[in-house]
Amino acid sequence: MTRDEDGSDSAVRIPQAANDEFVQLFTKWQRRLFLFILAQAPNPVEAEEILQETNLVIWRKSHTYTPGTNFYAWGCRIAVLEVLKSRDRRRRQATLMSEAFVEAVAREAQDSVDSLEERRRALLACLARLAASDRDLIRRRYAPGETGKTVARQLGRPANSVYQSLTRIRRTLLECIKRRLAAEAQA
């Protein structure tokens, strides 16, 4: 929200995107921008807030984006500035990260985003290869607010049995991910 001259709140006015390509790029890079910001933010909630601020700036500056250039790099530069602004706003809360640290983490995060995305895709492929019952157990366990004990109660199984199954499934997923990444690296 912004304040009008008379002091009343009004919605932020975002200019219309230049074209469909910009909207597609904006949408395509949202997850990676979030991961990039998350690596520099103290917690996921703040990362979401910074992403929203970054998105507002991206839309406001959409006319400055040169089609055909690296949209992700352009968005990351805006995100770094928003991370630094957020850090300045929260300085009173004794933020311990220096500007140099934030910049270093930003560089490292940008370098590792591709690797994280490859691992995420491998995980999704490996999850798809699991037996339906194993996928269901993983889905239940990692649903918001769930624990191994609550899942065991839902399934009418001993907690120890659920924990053993989860350990086996995690091991299977890890091995599958390692194989897929190694195969992709050789390709």
C-alpha atoms as a PDB file:
ATOM      1  CA  MET A   1       0.000   0.000   0.000  1.00  0.00           C
ATOM      2  CA  THR A   2       1.110   3.541  -0.668  1.00  0.00           C
ATOM      3  CA  ARG A   3      -0.141   6.831   0.689  1.00  0.00           C
ATOM      4  CA  ASP A   4      -1.853   9.310  -1.629  1.00  0.00           C
ATOM      5  CA  GLU A   5      -1.315  13.036  -1.208  1.00  0.00           C
ATOM      6  CA  ASP A   6      -4.360  13.192   1.047  1.00  0.00           C
ATOM      7  CA  GLY A   7      -2.881  10.492   3.306  1.00  0.00           C
ATOM      8  CA  SER A   8      -5.256   7.706   2.282  1.00  0.00           C
ATOM      9  CA  ASP A   9      -4.041   4.246   1.361  1.00  0.00           C
ATOM     10  CA  SER A  10      -4.176   3.138  -2.239  1.00  0.00           C
ATOM     11  CA  ALA A  11      -3.067   0.009  -4.015  1.00  0.00           C
ATOM     12  CA  VAL A  12       0.377   0.046  -5.571  1.00  0.00           C
ATOM     13  CA  ARG A  13      -0.005   0.839  -9.235  1.00  0.00           C
ATOM     14  CA  ILE A  14       1.998  -1.634 -11.286  1.00  0.00           C
ATOM     15  CA  PRO A  15       2.561  -0.830 -14.962  1.00  0.00           C
ATOM     16  CA  GLN A  16       1.365  -3.313 -17.551  1.00  0.00           C
ATOM     17  CA  ALA A  17       4.203  -5.694 -18.506  1.00  0.00           C
ATOM     18  CA  ALA A  18       5.769  -4.888 -21.869  1.00  0.00           C
ATOM     19  CA  ASN A  19       4.758  -8.176 -23.425  1.00  0.00           C
ATOM     20  CA  ASP A  20       3.910 -11.817 -22.898  1.00  0.00           C
ATOM     21  CA  GLU A  21       7.607 -12.760 -22.960  1.00  0.00           C
ATOM     22  CA  PHE A  22       8.241 -10.639 -19.870  1.00  0.00           C
ATOM     23  CA  VAL A  23       5.336 -12.280 -18.019  1.00  0.00           C
ATOM     24  CA  GLN A  24       6.617 -15.728 -18.987  1.00  0.00           C
ATOM     25  CA  LEU A  25      10.137 -14.921 -17.782  1.00  0.00           C
ATOM     26  CA  PHE A  26       8.801 -13.374 -14.599  1.00  0.00           C
ATOM     27  CA  THR A  27       6.791 -16.516 -13.861  1.00  0.00           C
ATOM     28  CA  LYS A  28       9.535 -18.925 -14.891  1.00  0.00           C
ATOM     29  CA  TRP A  29      12.133 -17.457 -12.515  1.00  0.00           C
ATOM     30  CA  GLN A  30       9.969 -16.978  -9.387  1.00  0.00           C
ATOM     31  CA  ARG A  31      11.087 -20.166  -7.625  1.00  0.00           C
ATOM     32  CA  ARG A  32      14.769 -19.555  -8.322  1.00  0.00           C
ATOM     33  CA  LEU A  33      14.508 -15.945  -7.181  1.00  0.00           C
ATOM     34  CA  PHE A  34      12.879 -17.147  -3.971  1.00  0.00           C
ATOM     35  CA  LEU A  35      15.672 -19.692  -3.391  1.00  0.00           C
ATOM     36  CA  PHE A  36      18.248 -17.012  -4.154  1.00  0.00           C
ATOM     37  CA  ILE A  37      16.663 -14.673  -1.591  1.00  0.00           C
ATOM     38  CA  LEU A  38      16.137 -17.468   0.944  1.00  0.00           C
ATOM     39  CA  ALA A  39      19.882 -18.128   0.993  1.00  0.00           C
ATOM     40  CA  GLN A  40      20.391 -14.546   2.156  1.00  0.00           C
ATOM     41  CA  ALA A  41      17.425 -14.063   4.462  1.00  0.00           C
ATOM     42  CA  PRO A  42      17.311 -15.056   8.124  1.00  0.00           C
ATOM     43  CA  ASN A  43      14.087 -17.066   7.682  1.00  0.00           C
ATOM     44  CA  PRO A  44      11.554 -18.164   5.043  1.00  0.00           C
ATOM     45  CA  VAL A  45       8.928 -15.631   6.121  1.00  0.00           C
ATOM     46  CA  GLU A  46      11.319 -12.744   5.606  1.00  0.00           C
ATOM     47  CA  ALA A  47      12.438 -14.286   2.303  1.00  0.00           C
ATOM     48  CA  GLU A  48       8.788 -14.263   1.143  1.00  0.00           C
ATOM     49  CA  GLU A  49       8.469 -10.596   2.132  1.00  0.00           C
ATOM     50  CA  ILE A  50      11.671  -9.730   0.278  1.00  0.00           C
ATOM     51  CA  LEU A  51      10.471 -11.661  -2.783  1.00  0.00           C
ATOM     52  CA  GLN A  52       7.246  -9.633  -2.775  1.00  0.00           C
ATOM     53  CA  GLU A  53       9.221  -6.381  -2.603  1.00  0.00           C
ATOM     54  CA  THR A  54      11.523  -7.669  -5.350  1.00  0.00           C
ATOM     55  CA  ASN A  55       8.509  -8.538  -7.504  1.00  0.00           C
ATOM     56  CA  LEU A  56       7.094  -5.038  -7.076  1.00  0.00           C
ATOM     57  CA  VAL A  57      10.394  -3.507  -8.199  1.00  0.00           C
ATOM     58  CA  ILE A  58      10.645  -5.936 -11.127  1.00  0.00           C
ATOM     59  CA  TRP A  59       7.159  -4.914 -12.295  1.00  0.00           C
ATOM     60  CA  ARG A  60       7.846  -1.220 -11.784  1.00  0.00           C
ATOM     61  CA  LYS A  61      11.082  -1.519 -13.749  1.00  0.00           C
ATOM     62  CA  SER A  62       9.749  -3.901 -16.403  1.00  0.00           C
ATOM     63  CA  HIS A  63      10.280  -1.205 -19.024  1.00  0.00           C
ATOM     64  CA  THR A  64      14.044  -1.249 -18.290  1.00  0.00           C
ATOM     65  CA  TYR A  65      14.467  -4.965 -18.975  1.00  0.00           C
ATOM     66  CA  THR A  66      16.114  -5.642 -22.335  1.00  0.00           C
ATOM     67  CA  PRO A  67      14.465  -8.631 -24.035  1.00  0.00           C
ATOM     68  CA  GLY A  68      16.927 -11.390 -24.867  1.00  0.00           C
ATOM     69  CA  THR A  69      19.185 -10.648 -21.906  1.00  0.00           C
ATOM     70  CA  ASN A  70      19.503 -12.775 -18.771  1.00  0.00           C
ATOM     71  CA  PHE A  71      16.267 -12.107 -16.870  1.00  0.00           C
ATOM     72  CA  TYR A  72      17.402 -14.168 -13.868  1.00  0.00           C
ATOM     73  CA  ALA A  73      20.630 -12.157 -13.446  1.00  0.00           C
ATOM     74  CA  TRP A  74      18.637  -8.931 -13.782  1.00  0.00           C
ATOM     75  CA  GLY A  75      16.123 -10.128 -11.171  1.00  0.00           C
ATOM     76  CA  CYS A  76      18.906 -11.275  -8.821  1.00  0.00           C
ATOM     77  CA  ARG A  77      20.512  -7.835  -8.859  1.00  0.00           C
ATOM     78  CA  ILE A  78      17.178  -6.310  -7.863  1.00  0.00           C
ATOM     79  CA  ALA A  79      16.778  -9.011  -5.188  1.00  0.00           C
ATOM     80  CA  VAL A  80      20.218  -8.257  -3.709  1.00  0.00           C
ATOM     81  CA  LEU A  81      19.257  -4.610  -3.348  1.00  0.00           C
ATOM     82  CA  GLU A  82      15.977  -5.602  -1.698  1.00  0.00           C
ATOM     83  CA  VAL A  83      17.809  -7.944   0.698  1.00  0.00           C
ATOM     84  CA  LEU A  84      20.101  -5.069   1.657  1.00  0.00           C
ATOM     85  CA  LYS A  85      17.119  -2.720   2.115  1.00  0.00           C
ATOM     86  CA  SER A  86      15.430  -5.322   4.308  1.00  0.00           C
ATOM     87  CA  ARG A  87      18.613  -5.690   6.322  1.00  0.00           C
ATOM     88  CA  ASP A  88      18.766  -1.927   6.835  1.00  0.00           C
ATOM     89  CA  ARG A  89      15.119  -1.832   7.932  1.00  0.00           C
ATOM     90  CA  ARG A  90      15.756  -4.574  10.463  1.00  0.00           C
ATOM     91  CA  ARG A  91      19.042  -3.208  11.745  1.00  0.00           C
ATOM     92  CA  ARG A  92      17.314  -2.299  15.004  1.00  0.00           C
ATOM     93  CA  GLN A  93      16.743  -6.014  15.533  1.00  0.00           C
ATOM     94  CA  ALA A  94      20.510  -6.505  15.736  1.00  0.00           C
ATOM     95  CA  THR A  95      20.995  -8.163  12.376  1.00  0.00           C
ATOM     96  CA  LEU A  96      24.443  -9.706  12.460  1.00  0.00           C
ATOM     97  CA  MET A  97      25.031  -9.944   8.724  1.00  0.00           C
ATOM     98  CA  SER A  98      27.377  -7.405   7.200  1.00  0.00           C
ATOM     99  CA  GLU A  99      26.877  -6.025   3.712  1.00  0.00           C
ATOM    100  CA  ALA A 100      29.943  -7.957   2.544  1.00  0.00           C
ATOM    101  CA  PHE A 101      28.462 -11.161   3.972  1.00  0.00           C
ATOM    102  CA  VAL A 102      25.129 -10.623   2.200  1.00  0.00           C
ATOM    103  CA  GLU A 103      26.948  -9.971  -1.091  1.00  0.00           C
ATOM    104  CA  ALA A 104      29.121 -13.097  -0.636  1.00  0.00           C
ATOM    105  CA  VAL A 105      26.094 -15.255   0.161  1.00  0.00           C
ATOM    106  CA  ALA A 106      24.297 -13.760  -2.844  1.00  0.00           C
ATOM    107  CA  ARG A 107      27.156 -14.763  -5.132  1.00  0.00           C
ATOM    108  CA  GLU A 108      27.284 -18.255  -3.620  1.00  0.00           C
ATOM    109  CA  ALA A 109      23.507 -18.666  -3.820  1.00  0.00           C
ATOM    110  CA  GLN A 110      23.439 -17.602  -7.443  1.00  0.00           C
ATOM    111  CA  ASP A 111      26.177 -20.128  -8.227  1.00  0.00           C
ATOM    112  CA  SER A 112      24.351 -22.959  -6.445  1.00  0.00           C
ATOM    113  CA  VAL A 113      20.793 -22.328  -7.688  1.00  0.00           C
ATOM    114  CA  ASP A 114      21.300 -24.459 -10.807  1.00  0.00           C
ATOM    115  CA  SER A 115      22.622 -27.327  -8.695  1.00  0.00           C
ATOM    116  CA  LEU A 116      19.689 -27.091  -6.298  1.00  0.00           C
ATOM    117  CA  GLU A 117      17.234 -27.053  -9.183  1.00  0.00           C
ATOM    118  CA  GLU A 118      18.865 -30.178 -10.676  1.00  0.00           C
ATOM    119  CA  ARG A 119      18.569 -31.921  -7.313  1.00  0.00           C
ATOM    120  CA  ARG A 120      14.914 -30.897  -7.009  1.00  0.00           C
ATOM    121  CA  ARG A 121      14.113 -32.276 -10.469  1.00  0.00           C
ATOM    122  CA  ALA A 122      15.958 -35.515  -9.628  1.00  0.00           C
ATOM    123  CA  LEU A 123      13.983 -35.812  -6.385  1.00  0.00           C
ATOM    124  CA  LEU A 124      10.684 -35.380  -8.229  1.00  0.00           C
ATOM    125  CA  ALA A 125      11.670 -38.052 -10.760  1.00  0.00           C
ATOM    126  CA  CYS A 126      12.755 -40.419  -7.974  1.00  0.00           C
ATOM    127  CA  LEU A 127       9.555 -39.809  -6.027  1.00  0.00           C
ATOM    128  CA  ALA A 128       7.577 -40.751  -9.120  1.00  0.00           C
ATOM    129  CA  ARG A 129       9.426 -44.087  -9.256  1.00  0.00           C
ATOM    130  CA  LEU A 130       8.506 -45.033  -5.676  1.00  0.00           C
ATOM    131  CA  ALA A 131       5.734 -47.485  -4.948  1.00  0.00           C
ATOM    132  CA  ALA A 132       2.414 -45.708  -4.401  1.00  0.00           C
ATOM    133  CA  SER A 133       2.363 -46.700  -0.715  1.00  0.00           C
ATOM    134  CA  ASP A 134       5.859 -45.242  -0.188  1.00  0.00           C
ATOM    135  CA  ARG A 135       4.913 -41.999  -1.972  1.00  0.00           C
ATOM    136  CA  ASP A 136       1.805 -41.781   0.212  1.00  0.00           C
ATOM    137  CA  LEU A 137       3.867 -42.242   3.378  1.00  0.00           C
ATOM    138  CA  ILE A 138       6.300 -39.505   2.306  1.00  0.00           C
ATOM    139  CA  ARG A 139       3.423 -37.193   1.357  1.00  0.00           C
ATOM    140  CA  ARG A 140       1.742 -37.751   4.728  1.00  0.00           C
ATOM    141  CA  ARG A 141       4.947 -37.311   6.739  1.00  0.00           C
ATOM    142  CA  TYR A 142       5.929 -34.048   5.038  1.00  0.00           C
ATOM    143  CA  ALA A 143       2.461 -32.514   5.090  1.00  0.00           C
ATOM    144  CA  PRO A 144       2.463 -29.315   7.171  1.00  0.00           C
ATOM    145  CA  GLY A 145       2.297 -30.042  10.906  1.00  0.00           C
ATOM    146  CA  GLU A 146       2.726 -33.791  10.600  1.00  0.00           C
ATOM    147  CA  THR A 147       5.259 -35.957  12.455  1.00  0.00           C
ATOM    148  CA  GLY A 148       6.173 -39.605  12.263  1.00  0.00           C
ATOM    149  CA  LYS A 149       4.048 -40.238  15.344  1.00  0.00           C
ATOM    150  CA  THR A 150       0.937 -38.539  13.958  1.00  0.00           C
ATOM    151  CA  VAL A 151       1.288 -40.438  10.681  1.00  0.00           C
ATOM    152  CA  ALA A 152       1.678 -43.715  12.604  1.00  0.00           C
ATOM    153  CA  ARG A 153      -1.560 -42.963  14.497  1.00  0.00           C
ATOM    154  CA  GLN A 154      -3.366 -42.138  11.224  1.00  0.00           C
ATOM    155  CA  LEU A 155      -2.203 -45.405   9.666  1.00  0.00           C
ATOM    156  CA  GLY A 156      -2.712 -47.504  12.805  1.00  0.00           C
ATOM    157  CA  ARG A 157       0.930 -48.576  12.714  1.00  0.00           C
ATOM    158  CA  PRO A 158       3.578 -48.534  15.450  1.00  0.00           C
ATOM    159  CA  ALA A 159       5.676 -45.349  15.300  1.00  0.00           C
ATOM    160  CA  ASN A 160       8.878 -47.404  15.102  1.00  0.00           C
ATOM    161  CA  SER A 161       7.552 -49.158  11.990  1.00  0.00           C
ATOM    162  CA  VAL A 162       6.784 -45.812  10.319  1.00  0.00           C
ATOM    163  CA  TYR A 163      10.233 -44.435  11.209  1.00  0.00           C
ATOM    164  CA  GLN A 164      11.911 -47.539   9.767  1.00  0.00           C
ATOM    165  CA  SER A 165       9.883 -47.225   6.558  1.00  0.00           C
ATOM    166  CA  LEU A 166      10.724 -43.548   6.252  1.00  0.00           C
ATOM    167  CA  THR A 167      14.439 -44.296   6.737  1.00  0.00           C
ATOM    168  CA  ARG A 168      14.311 -46.953   4.014  1.00  0.00           C
ATOM    169  CA  ILE A 169      12.450 -44.623   1.627  1.00  0.00           C
ATOM    170  CA  ARG A 170      14.828 -41.714   2.277  1.00  0.00           C
ATOM    171  CA  ARG A 171      17.819 -44.004   1.608  1.00  0.00           C
ATOM    172  CA  THR A 172      16.202 -45.192  -1.633  1.00  0.00           C
ATOM    173  CA  LEU A 173      15.520 -41.597  -2.699  1.00  0.00           C
ATOM    174  CA  LEU A 174      19.071 -40.493  -1.883  1.00  0.00           C
ATOM    175  CA  GLU A 175      20.587 -43.335  -3.907  1.00  0.00           C
ATOM    176  CA  CYS A 176      18.237 -42.624  -6.817  1.00  0.00           C
ATOM    177  CA  ILE A 177      19.088 -38.905  -6.772  1.00  0.00           C
ATOM    178  CA  LYS A 178      22.832 -39.636  -6.719  1.00  0.00           C
ATOM    179  CA  ARG A 179      22.475 -42.018  -9.693  1.00  0.00           C
ATOM    180  CA  ARG A 180      20.404 -39.522 -11.708  1.00  0.00           C
ATOM    181  CA  LEU A 181      22.790 -36.633 -11.029  1.00  0.00           C
ATOM    182  CA  ALA A 182      25.812 -38.782 -11.923  1.00  0.00           C
ATOM    183  CA  ALA A 183      24.114 -39.889 -15.160  1.00  0.00           C
ATOM    184  CA  GLU A 184      23.262 -36.273 -16.045  1.00  0.00           C
ATOM    185  CA  ALA A 185      26.844 -35.189 -15.347  1.00  0.00           C
ATOM    186  CA  GLN A 186      28.146 -37.835 -17.766  1.00  0.00           C
ATOM    187  CA  ALA A 187      25.630 -36.965 -20.478  1.00  0.00           C
END
